[in-house]
PDB file of N, CA and C in Angstrom:
ATOM      1  N   MET A   1       0.839  -1.183   0.000  1.00  0.00           N
ATOM      2  CA  MET A   1       0.000   0.000   0.000  1.00  0.00           C
ATOM      3  C   MET A   1       0.881   1.243   0.000  1.00  0.00           C
ATOM      4  N   ILE A   2       0.633   2.105  -0.931  1.00  0.00           N
ATOM      5  CA  ILE A   2       1.402   3.340  -1.047  1.00  0.00           C
ATOM      6  C   ILE A   2       0.565   4.472  -0.454  1.00  0.00           C
ATOM      7  N   VAL A   3       1.160   5.172   0.518  1.00  0.00           N
ATOM      8  CA  VAL A   3       0.490   6.302   1.147  1.00  0.00           C
ATOM      9  C   VAL A   3       0.902   7.553   0.379  1.00  0.00           C
ATOM     10  N   GLU A   4      -0.073   8.241  -0.141  1.00  0.00           N
ATOM     11  CA  GLU A   4       0.226   9.422  -0.927  1.00  0.00           C
ATOM     12  C   GLU A   4       0.430  10.640  -0.039  1.00  0.00           C
ATOM     13  N   HIS A   5       1.151  11.576  -0.588  1.00  0.00           N
ATOM     14  CA  HIS A   5       1.461  12.814   0.126  1.00  0.00           C
ATOM     15  C   HIS A   5       0.181  13.567   0.499  1.00  0.00           C
ATOM     16  N   ALA A   6      -0.771  13.628  -0.404  1.00  0.00           N
ATOM     17  CA  ALA A   6      -2.017  14.354  -0.145  1.00  0.00           C
ATOM     18  C   ALA A   6      -2.787  13.744   1.026  1.00  0.00           C
ATOM     19  N   LEU A   7      -2.750  12.432   1.165  1.00  0.00           N
ATOM     20  CA  LEU A   7      -3.417  11.776   2.282  1.00  0.00           C
ATOM     21  C   LEU A   7      -2.740  12.148   3.604  1.00  0.00           C
ATOM     22  N   LEU A   8      -1.435  12.119   3.629  1.00  0.00           N
ATOM     23  CA  LEU A   8      -0.713  12.486   4.856  1.00  0.00           C
ATOM     24  C   LEU A   8      -0.927  13.944   5.221  1.00  0.00           C
ATOM     25  N   VAL A   9      -0.953  14.818   4.233  1.00  0.00           N
ATOM     26  CA  VAL A   9      -1.200  16.228   4.497  1.00  0.00           C
ATOM     27  C   VAL A   9      -2.597  16.421   5.060  1.00  0.00           C
ATOM     28  N   GLY A  10      -3.587  15.737   4.492  1.00  0.00           N
ATOM     29  CA  GLY A  10      -4.961  15.837   4.991  1.00  0.00           C
ATOM     30  C   GLY A  10      -5.092  15.352   6.419  1.00  0.00           C
ATOM     31  N   ILE A  11      -4.446  14.250   6.730  1.00  0.00           N
ATOM     32  CA  ILE A  11      -4.495  13.705   8.096  1.00  0.00           C
ATOM     33  C   ILE A  11      -3.826  14.661   9.080  1.00  0.00           C
ATOM     34  N   SER A  12      -2.674  15.195   8.701  1.00  0.00           N
ATOM     35  CA  SER A  12      -1.958  16.090   9.621  1.00  0.00           C
ATOM     36  C   SER A  12      -2.703  17.402   9.814  1.00  0.00           C
ATOM     37  N   LYS A  13      -3.339  17.916   8.764  1.00  0.00           N
ATOM     38  CA  LYS A  13      -4.126  19.135   8.912  1.00  0.00           C
ATOM     39  C   LYS A  13      -5.335  18.896   9.806  1.00  0.00           C
ATOM     40  N   SER A  14      -5.975  17.764   9.649  1.00  0.00           N
ATOM     41  CA  SER A  14      -7.130  17.449  10.488  1.00  0.00           C
ATOM     42  C   SER A  14      -6.719  17.286  11.943  1.00  0.00           C
ATOM     43  N   PHE A  15      -5.624  16.579  12.173  1.00  0.00           N
ATOM     44  CA  PHE A  15      -5.130  16.405  13.538  1.00  0.00           C
ATOM     45  C   PHE A  15      -4.776  17.751  14.151  1.00  0.00           C
ATOM     46  N   GLY A  16      -4.096  18.599  13.397  1.00  0.00           N
ATOM     47  CA  GLY A  16      -3.728  19.917  13.899  1.00  0.00           C
ATOM     48  C   GLY A  16      -4.935  20.768  14.226  1.00  0.00           C
ATOM     49  N   LEU A  17      -5.959  20.703  13.382  1.00  0.00           N
ATOM     50  CA  LEU A  17      -7.177  21.472  13.627  1.00  0.00           C
ATOM     51  C   LEU A  17      -7.841  21.019  14.920  1.00  0.00           C
ATOM     52  N   PHE A  18      -8.028  19.714  15.089  1.00  0.00           N
ATOM     53  CA  PHE A  18      -8.676  19.212  16.302  1.00  0.00           C
ATOM     54  C   PHE A  18      -7.819  19.459  17.540  1.00  0.00           C
ATOM     55  N   TYR A  19      -6.513  19.408  17.389  1.00  0.00           N
ATOM     56  CA  TYR A  19      -5.603  19.698  18.500  1.00  0.00           C
ATOM     57  C   TYR A  19      -5.766  21.151  18.947  1.00  0.00           C
ATOM     58  N   LEU A  20      -5.788  22.082  18.012  1.00  0.00           N
ATOM     59  CA  LEU A  20      -5.929  23.488  18.371  1.00  0.00           C
ATOM     60  C   LEU A  20      -7.306  23.801  18.940  1.00  0.00           C
ATOM     61  N   ILE A  21      -8.337  23.148  18.431  1.00  0.00           N
ATOM     62  CA  ILE A  21      -9.679  23.349  18.988  1.00  0.00           C
ATOM     63  C   ILE A  21      -9.720  22.846  20.432  1.00  0.00           C
ATOM     64  N   ALA A  22      -9.159  21.670  20.680  1.00  0.00           N
ATOM     65  CA  ALA A  22      -9.138  21.114  22.038  1.00  0.00           C
ATOM     66  C   ALA A  22      -8.327  21.997  22.983  1.00  0.00           C
ATOM     67  N   LEU A  23      -7.207  22.515  22.510  1.00  0.00           N
ATOM     68  CA  LEU A  23      -6.381  23.399  23.327  1.00  0.00           C
ATOM     69  C   LEU A  23      -7.122  24.692  23.649  1.00  0.00           C
ATOM     70  N   SER A  24      -7.830  25.249  22.680  1.00  0.00           N
ATOM     71  CA  SER A  24      -8.601  26.470  22.902  1.00  0.00           C
ATOM     72  C   SER A  24      -9.720  26.243  23.909  1.00  0.00           C
ATOM     73  N   VAL A  25     -10.398  25.120  23.795  1.00  0.00           N
ATOM     74  CA  VAL A  25     -11.471  24.800  24.744  1.00  0.00           C
ATOM     75  C   VAL A  25     -10.895  24.641  26.147  1.00  0.00           C
ATOM     76  N   ALA A  26      -9.746  24.001  26.257  1.00  0.00           N
ATOM     77  CA  ALA A  26      -9.113  23.828  27.570  1.00  0.00           C
ATOM     78  C   ALA A  26      -8.732  25.171  28.188  1.00  0.00           C
ATOM     79  N   VAL A  27      -8.230  26.093  27.393  1.00  0.00           N
ATOM     80  CA  VAL A  27      -7.850  27.413  27.904  1.00  0.00           C
ATOM     81  C   VAL A  27      -9.083  28.186  28.362  1.00  0.00           C
ATOM     82  N   VAL A  28     -10.158  28.126  27.605  1.00  0.00           N
ATOM     83  CA  VAL A  28     -11.391  28.820  27.983  1.00  0.00           C
ATOM     84  C   VAL A  28     -11.968  28.220  29.259  1.00  0.00           C
ATOM     85  N   ILE A  29     -11.963  26.914  29.384  1.00  0.00           N
ATOM     86  CA  ILE A  29     -12.458  26.269  30.608  1.00  0.00           C
ATOM     87  C   ILE A  29     -11.606  26.678  31.802  1.00  0.00           C
ATOM     88  N   TYR A  30     -10.283  26.720  31.627  1.00  0.00           N
ATOM     89  CA  TYR A  30      -9.406  27.139  32.722  1.00  0.00           C
ATOM     90  C   TYR A  30      -9.685  28.589  33.122  1.00  0.00           C
ATOM     91  N   ALA A  31      -9.880  29.453  32.144  1.00  0.00           N
ATOM     92  CA  ALA A  31     -10.111  30.864  32.444  1.00  0.00           C
ATOM     93  C   ALA A  31     -11.463  31.089  33.105  1.00  0.00           C
ATOM     94  N   MET A  32     -12.451  30.278  32.786  1.00  0.00           N
ATOM     95  CA  MET A  32     -13.795  30.455  33.335  1.00  0.00           C
ATOM     96  C   MET A  32     -14.067  29.619  34.585  1.00  0.00           C
ATOM     97  N   TRP A  33     -13.100  28.822  35.010  1.00  0.00           N
ATOM     98  CA  TRP A  33     -13.295  27.964  36.177  1.00  0.00           C
ATOM     99  C   TRP A  33     -13.527  28.844  37.407  1.00  0.00           C
ATOM    100  N   PRO A  34     -14.562  28.574  38.186  1.00  0.00           N
ATOM    101  CA  PRO A  34     -14.915  29.446  39.311  1.00  0.00           C
ATOM    102  C   PRO A  34     -13.803  29.618  40.348  1.00  0.00           C
ATOM    103  N   SER A  35     -13.003  28.613  40.587  1.00  0.00           N
ATOM    104  CA  SER A  35     -11.962  28.743  41.611  1.00  0.00           C
ATOM    105  C   SER A  35     -10.812  29.653  41.167  1.00  0.00           C
ATOM    106  N   ASN A  36     -10.737  29.994  39.890  1.00  0.00           N
ATOM    107  CA  ASN A  36      -9.678  30.891  39.405  1.00  0.00           C
ATOM    108  C   ASN A  36     -10.099  32.353  39.426  1.00  0.00           C
ATOM    109  N   LYS A  37     -11.343  32.650  39.790  1.00  0.00           N
ATOM    110  CA  LYS A  37     -11.837  34.023  39.747  1.00  0.00           C
ATOM    111  C   LYS A  37     -11.018  34.949  40.637  1.00  0.00           C
ATOM    112  N   LYS A  38     -10.733  34.539  41.857  1.00  0.00           N
ATOM    113  CA  LYS A  38      -9.974  35.398  42.768  1.00  0.00           C
ATOM    114  C   LYS A  38      -8.580  35.676  42.226  1.00  0.00           C
ATOM    115  N   ARG A  39      -7.942  34.668  41.675  1.00  0.00           N
ATOM    116  CA  ARG A  39      -6.595  34.834  41.129  1.00  0.00           C
ATOM    117  C   ARG A  39      -6.584  35.851  39.984  1.00  0.00           C
ATOM    118  N   PHE A  40      -7.568  35.755  39.084  1.00  0.00           N
ATOM    119  CA  PHE A  40      -7.620  36.669  37.948  1.00  0.00           C
ATOM    120  C   PHE A  40      -8.046  38.072  38.384  1.00  0.00           C
ATOM    121  N   ASP A  41      -8.934  38.165  39.371  1.00  0.00           N
ATOM    122  CA  ASP A  41      -9.314  39.480  39.881  1.00  0.00           C
ATOM    123  C   ASP A  41      -8.133  40.167  40.561  1.00  0.00           C
ATOM    124  N   ASP A  42      -7.361  39.409  41.327  1.00  0.00           N
ATOM    125  CA  ASP A  42      -6.167  39.977  41.963  1.00  0.00           C
ATOM    126  C   ASP A  42      -5.155  40.443  40.915  1.00  0.00           C
ATOM    127  N   ALA A  43      -4.975  39.680  39.861  1.00  0.00           N
ATOM    128  CA  ALA A  43      -4.041  40.070  38.799  1.00  0.00           C
ATOM    129  C   ALA A  43      -4.526  41.323  38.083  1.00  0.00           C
ATOM    130  N   ALA A  44      -5.839  41.445  37.892  1.00  0.00           N
ATOM    131  CA  ALA A  44      -6.383  42.617  37.208  1.00  0.00           C
ATOM    132  C   ALA A  44      -6.236  43.881  38.050  1.00  0.00           C
ATOM    133  N   GLN A  45      -6.331  43.742  39.362  1.00  0.00           N
ATOM    134  CA  GLN A  45      -6.245  44.903  40.241  1.00  0.00           C
ATOM    135  C   GLN A  45      -4.816  45.221  40.683  1.00  0.00           C
ATOM    136  N   SER A  46      -3.871  44.335  40.440  1.00  0.00           N
ATOM    137  CA  SER A  46      -2.509  44.543  40.925  1.00  0.00           C
ATOM    138  C   SER A  46      -1.840  45.750  40.284  1.00  0.00           C
ATOM    139  N   ILE A  47      -2.219  46.085  39.078  1.00  0.00           N
ATOM    140  CA  ILE A  47      -1.616  47.242  38.424  1.00  0.00           C
ATOM    141  C   ILE A  47      -1.958  48.527  39.168  1.00  0.00           C
ATOM    142  N   PHE A  48      -3.130  48.568  39.790  1.00  0.00           N
ATOM    143  CA  PHE A  48      -3.533  49.761  40.525  1.00  0.00           C
ATOM    144  C   PHE A  48      -2.926  49.796  41.929  1.00  0.00           C
ATOM    145  N   ARG A  49      -2.716  48.645  42.547  1.00  0.00           N
ATOM    146  CA  ARG A  49      -2.124  48.598  43.891  1.00  0.00           C
ATOM    147  C   ARG A  49      -0.651  48.950  43.866  1.00  0.00           C
ATOM    148  N   ASP A  50       0.048  48.567  42.818  1.00  0.00           N
ATOM    149  CA  ASP A  50       1.489  48.772  42.764  1.00  0.00           C
ATOM    150  C   ASP A  50       1.868  50.199  42.357  1.00  0.00           C
ATOM    151  N   GLU A  51       0.902  50.982  41.961  1.00  0.00           N
ATOM    152  CA  GLU A  51       1.195  52.315  41.474  1.00  0.00           C
ATOM    153  C   GLU A  51       1.411  53.260  42.657  1.00  0.00           C
ATOM    154  N   ALA A  52       2.534  53.961  42.663  1.00  0.00           N
ATOM    155  CA  ALA A  52       2.874  54.855  43.767  1.00  0.00           C
ATOM    156  C   ALA A  52       2.313  56.256  43.547  1.00  0.00           C
ATOM    157  N   GLY A  53       1.775  56.529  42.427  1.00  0.00           N
ATOM    158  CA  GLY A  53       1.228  57.845  42.118  1.00  0.00           C
ATOM    159  C   GLY A  53       1.830  58.393  40.857  1.00  0.00           C
ATOM    160  N   PRO A  54       1.476  59.612  40.520  1.00  0.00           N
ATOM    161  CA  PRO A  54       2.021  60.205  39.286  1.00  0.00           C
ATOM    162  C   PRO A  54       3.525  60.434  39.390  1.00  0.00           C
ATOM    163  N   TRP A  55       4.191  60.229  38.288  1.00  0.00           N
ATOM    164  CA  TRP A  55       5.643  60.444  38.252  1.00  0.00           C
ATOM    165  C   TRP A  55       5.933  61.915  38.125  1.00  0.00           C
ATOM    166  N   ARG A  56       6.885  62.405  38.885  1.00  0.00           N
ATOM    167  CA  ARG A  56       7.220  63.841  38.830  1.00  0.00           C
ATOM    168  C   ARG A  56       8.631  64.049  38.425  1.00  0.00           C
TER     169      ARG A  56
END
């Protein structure tokens, strides 16, 4: 059986597509997980806490 280049390219593109979709879903689930809310809120507010005031 001879495996053609076009078949291998199609398989690798399909695998890559599903891999990236799964990775994106995992990142969104991690970002929306309820136990991470405090961590992300603290990170969002840290820029304001660390500021010493206007530079002179």
